[in-house]
Amino acid sequence: MKHWLLVTLTLTLICPKESTAQLLKHYGLKVAVTSADQKYDVKYVSEVKTKRRTGFNVAAFLEWFDVPYFSFLTQVEYAQRGMGQDFVLTGPSGPEPIGVKTSYSRLDYLSIPIMGKIRLQTETITPFVSVGPRVDFFLGYHSDENLFNPVFEKFKTTVLGGSFGIGVQTETLLPVIILAELRYNIDLADSYSTDALQVRNNAFDVWLGIAF
């Protein structure tokens, strides 16, 4: 329940009001395919190999300040994170490997990036770059056969991160603005940290959206 209250409060705060309408440039919706992974730093182990997990994100955003070349984005996202890891299977008669099984995990976040957007306006296509900080609120998790749950149940509920994006948008194809964006997200702090193990998320997003 508290997560839905947080979503509702956040959307209320960023929704345009009459007093701020003159500052609002655009508003819109986005969807994304995301490729997520996690970095595991384990004491006395040189490397923990993981595999990227494909998921999806959805977002609502506001774009502020109708001035040349620069604007300001506030965005609320449902974001999926996680990873996969290979495990060697052995037979009942001995330790000889008989195959490899990949187990995946999924972590759910309410993510709020706040980014500056620099754009080069043209008559048909407008390229842009965006960069800024991000706050992620941990909503829940799932892992195949509960393999990673002992770690995930101790994850921090709030983590700071950063996001960096490049993209293009156009107003000539449809009555609305169409945009596409490639974005990289990193954590600036560990989601899990002990003397023996530290874990951080990272993800690549491919966003498609419309703006009004």
Protein backbone atom coordinates (compact mmCIF):
# COMPACT_ATOMS: atom_id res chain seq x y z
CA MET A 1 0.00 0.00 0.00
CA LYS A 2 2.78 2.42 0.87
CA HIS A 3 4.27 2.02 -2.62
CA TRP A 4 0.99 3.02 -4.30
CA LEU A 5 0.74 6.00 -1.99
CA LEU A 6 4.26 7.01 -3.01
CA VAL A 7 3.37 6.73 -6.71
CA THR A 8 0.21 8.79 -6.22
CA LEU A 9 2.04 11.47 -4.26
CA THR A 10 4.81 11.70 -6.85
CA LEU A 11 2.40 12.02 -9.77
CA THR A 12 0.48 14.69 -7.88
CA LEU A 13 3.63 16.70 -7.27
CA ILE A 14 4.73 16.69 -10.91
CA CYS A 15 1.31 17.23 -12.49
CA PRO A 16 1.00 20.66 -14.07
CA LYS A 17 -0.96 23.27 -12.15
CA GLU A 18 -2.39 26.50 -13.49
CA SER A 19 0.29 28.56 -11.68
CA THR A 20 3.12 26.61 -13.35
CA ALA A 21 1.56 25.99 -16.76
CA GLN A 22 3.55 28.82 -18.31
CA LEU A 23 6.77 27.00 -17.38
CA LEU A 24 5.68 23.69 -18.91
CA LYS A 25 7.03 22.90 -22.37
CA HIS A 26 5.71 19.34 -22.94
CA TYR A 27 4.28 16.35 -21.13
CA GLY A 28 4.08 12.77 -22.28
CA LEU A 29 4.43 9.02 -21.87
CA LYS A 30 7.26 6.57 -22.61
CA VAL A 31 7.84 2.84 -22.76
CA ALA A 32 11.21 1.10 -22.82
CA VAL A 33 12.94 -2.20 -23.30
CA THR A 34 15.69 -2.46 -20.71
CA SER A 35 18.80 -4.64 -20.46
CA ALA A 36 19.69 -4.89 -16.77
CA ASP A 37 22.64 -6.35 -14.91
CA GLN A 38 24.20 -6.29 -11.45
CA LYS A 39 27.81 -5.94 -10.36
CA TYR A 40 28.79 -8.31 -7.53
CA ASP A 41 31.99 -7.48 -5.66
CA VAL A 42 32.77 -10.51 -3.50
CA LYS A 43 35.73 -10.54 -1.12
CA TYR A 44 38.45 -13.04 -2.12
CA VAL A 45 36.70 -13.77 -5.45
CA SER A 46 38.16 -12.19 -8.58
CA GLU A 47 34.93 -12.07 -10.60
CA VAL A 48 31.29 -13.09 -10.35
CA LYS A 49 29.94 -13.66 -13.85
CA THR A 50 26.39 -12.51 -14.52
CA LYS A 51 24.17 -12.22 -17.59
CA ARG A 52 21.97 -9.32 -18.62
CA ARG A 53 18.22 -9.60 -18.15
CA THR A 54 15.70 -8.11 -20.59
CA GLY A 55 12.71 -6.32 -19.11
CA PHE A 56 10.52 -3.27 -19.64
CA ASN A 57 9.89 0.18 -18.16
CA VAL A 58 7.01 2.67 -18.39
CA ALA A 59 7.15 6.36 -17.54
CA ALA A 60 5.31 9.66 -17.43
CA PHE A 61 7.28 12.87 -17.79
CA LEU A 62 7.11 16.64 -17.78
CA GLU A 63 9.48 18.86 -19.75
CA TRP A 64 10.01 22.36 -18.37
CA PHE A 65 11.28 25.74 -19.64
CA ASP A 66 10.49 26.62 -23.25
CA VAL A 67 13.83 28.25 -24.04
CA PRO A 68 16.26 27.62 -26.93
CA TYR A 69 18.58 24.60 -26.65
CA PHE A 70 17.81 23.69 -23.03
CA SER A 71 14.96 22.19 -21.02
CA PHE A 72 14.47 20.31 -17.79
CA LEU A 73 12.88 16.85 -17.37
CA THR A 74 11.08 15.37 -14.36
CA GLN A 75 10.06 11.76 -14.86
CA VAL A 76 8.37 8.97 -12.90
CA GLU A 77 9.16 5.40 -14.01
CA TYR A 78 8.33 1.85 -13.19
CA ALA A 79 11.74 0.27 -13.84
CA GLN A 80 12.81 -3.37 -13.89
CA ARG A 81 16.31 -4.39 -12.86
CA GLY A 82 17.96 -7.75 -12.23
CA MET A 83 20.36 -10.23 -13.82
CA GLY A 84 20.97 -13.86 -14.70
CA GLN A 85 23.59 -16.32 -13.53
CA ASP A 86 24.67 -19.68 -14.95
CA PHE A 87 24.80 -22.75 -12.72
CA VAL A 88 26.42 -26.06 -13.69
CA LEU A 89 24.10 -29.08 -13.44
CA THR A 90 25.46 -32.43 -12.33
CA GLY A 91 23.99 -35.90 -12.64
CA PRO A 92 22.77 -38.13 -9.79
CA SER A 93 25.66 -40.57 -10.25
CA GLY A 94 28.58 -38.17 -9.84
CA PRO A 95 29.99 -34.65 -10.02
CA GLU A 96 30.42 -34.64 -13.79
CA PRO A 97 28.58 -31.70 -15.38
CA ILE A 98 25.63 -32.58 -17.59
CA GLY A 99 24.50 -29.07 -18.52
CA VAL A 100 24.14 -25.43 -17.59
CA LYS A 101 21.04 -23.70 -16.25
CA THR A 102 20.55 -19.93 -16.15
CA SER A 103 18.57 -18.55 -13.22
CA TYR A 104 17.18 -15.01 -13.47
CA SER A 105 16.08 -12.40 -10.99
CA ARG A 106 13.81 -9.36 -11.34
CA LEU A 107 13.78 -6.29 -9.12
CA ASP A 108 11.05 -3.64 -9.33
CA TYR A 109 11.70 0.05 -8.70
CA LEU A 110 9.86 3.34 -8.74
CA SER A 111 12.52 5.53 -10.34
CA ILE A 112 12.52 9.34 -10.43
CA PRO A 113 15.18 10.86 -12.71
CA ILE A 114 15.62 14.64 -12.89
CA MET A 115 17.61 15.55 -15.98
CA GLY A 116 18.82 18.50 -17.95
CA LYS A 117 18.15 18.20 -21.69
CA ILE A 118 20.27 19.92 -24.34
CA ARG A 119 18.81 19.84 -27.85
CA LEU A 120 19.73 21.06 -31.33
CA GLN A 121 16.54 22.32 -32.97
CA THR A 122 16.03 21.67 -36.70
CA GLU A 123 13.02 21.82 -38.99
CA THR A 124 12.45 18.04 -39.06
CA ILE A 125 14.52 16.17 -36.43
CA THR A 126 15.81 17.42 -33.09
CA PRO A 127 18.72 15.47 -31.55
CA PHE A 128 19.28 15.81 -27.81
CA VAL A 129 21.35 14.63 -24.87
CA SER A 130 20.09 14.32 -21.30
CA VAL A 131 21.91 13.82 -18.01
CA GLY A 132 21.04 14.03 -14.34
CA PRO A 133 20.58 12.30 -10.98
CA ARG A 134 18.02 9.65 -10.18
CA VAL A 135 16.36 8.29 -7.04
CA ASP A 136 15.19 4.64 -7.05
CA PHE A 137 12.64 3.30 -4.55
CA PHE A 138 12.77 -0.49 -4.14
CA LEU A 139 9.31 -2.04 -4.61
CA GLY A 140 9.95 -5.79 -4.64
CA TYR A 141 11.80 -8.72 -6.14
CA HIS A 142 11.55 -12.21 -7.59
CA SER A 143 14.22 -14.80 -8.39
CA ASP A 144 13.98 -18.25 -9.93
CA GLU A 145 13.71 -20.88 -7.19
CA ASN A 146 14.29 -18.03 -4.66
CA LEU A 147 18.04 -18.36 -5.21
CA PHE A 148 18.89 -14.68 -4.72
CA ASN A 149 16.17 -13.76 -2.23
CA PRO A 150 18.42 -13.86 0.88
CA VAL A 151 20.39 -10.96 -0.66
CA PHE A 152 17.47 -9.07 -2.19
CA GLU A 153 15.43 -9.06 1.04
CA LYS A 154 18.21 -6.95 2.59
CA PHE A 155 18.45 -4.44 -0.29
CA LYS A 156 18.27 -0.75 0.57
CA THR A 157 14.82 0.74 0.03
CA THR A 158 16.26 3.92 -1.56
CA VAL A 159 19.31 4.26 -3.81
CA LEU A 160 20.80 7.26 -5.62
CA GLY A 161 21.91 6.90 -9.23
CA GLY A 162 22.71 8.75 -12.42
CA SER A 163 21.28 8.59 -15.95
CA PHE A 164 22.83 9.58 -19.30
CA GLY A 165 20.85 9.60 -22.55
CA ILE A 166 20.99 10.49 -26.23
CA GLY A 167 18.01 10.65 -28.53
CA VAL A 168 16.00 12.29 -31.29
CA GLN A 169 12.49 13.70 -31.56
CA THR A 170 10.31 14.93 -34.40
CA GLU A 171 7.05 16.86 -34.76
CA THR A 172 6.59 16.26 -38.50
CA LEU A 173 5.31 12.65 -38.64
CA LEU A 174 2.20 12.94 -36.43
CA PRO A 175 0.21 15.66 -34.64
CA VAL A 176 2.17 14.73 -31.50
CA ILE A 177 5.92 14.69 -30.83
CA ILE A 178 7.56 11.28 -31.36
CA LEU A 179 10.79 10.62 -29.50
CA ALA A 180 13.36 7.83 -29.21
CA GLU A 181 16.11 7.66 -26.63
CA LEU A 182 19.00 5.40 -25.62
CA ARG A 183 19.85 5.74 -21.92
CA TYR A 184 22.40 4.27 -19.52
CA ASN A 185 21.63 4.07 -15.79
CA ILE A 186 24.16 3.47 -13.02
CA ASP A 187 23.89 3.31 -9.25
CA LEU A 188 26.03 5.74 -7.26
CA ALA A 189 25.72 3.68 -4.07
CA ASP A 190 25.51 -0.02 -3.21
CA SER A 191 22.06 -1.57 -2.95
CA TYR A 192 23.55 -4.22 -0.67
CA SER A 193 26.78 -3.90 1.29
CA THR A 194 28.58 -6.05 3.85
CA ASP A 195 32.24 -6.75 4.57
CA ALA A 196 32.05 -9.68 2.15
CA LEU A 197 29.71 -8.49 -0.65
CA GLN A 198 28.62 -5.31 -2.41
CA VAL A 199 25.94 -5.18 -5.14
CA ARG A 200 24.97 -2.41 -7.58
CA ASN A 201 22.49 -2.22 -10.46
CA ASN A 202 23.04 -0.92 -13.97
CA ALA A 203 20.82 -0.87 -17.06
CA PHE A 204 20.59 0.18 -20.70
CA ASP A 205 17.17 1.48 -21.79
CA VAL A 206 15.73 1.97 -25.28
CA TRP A 207 12.80 4.39 -24.91
CA LEU A 208 9.98 5.29 -27.30
CA GLY A 209 7.51 7.98 -26.38
CA ILE A 210 5.00 10.65 -27.32
CA ALA A 211 4.77 14.21 -26.06
CA PHE A 212 2.08 16.88 -26.27
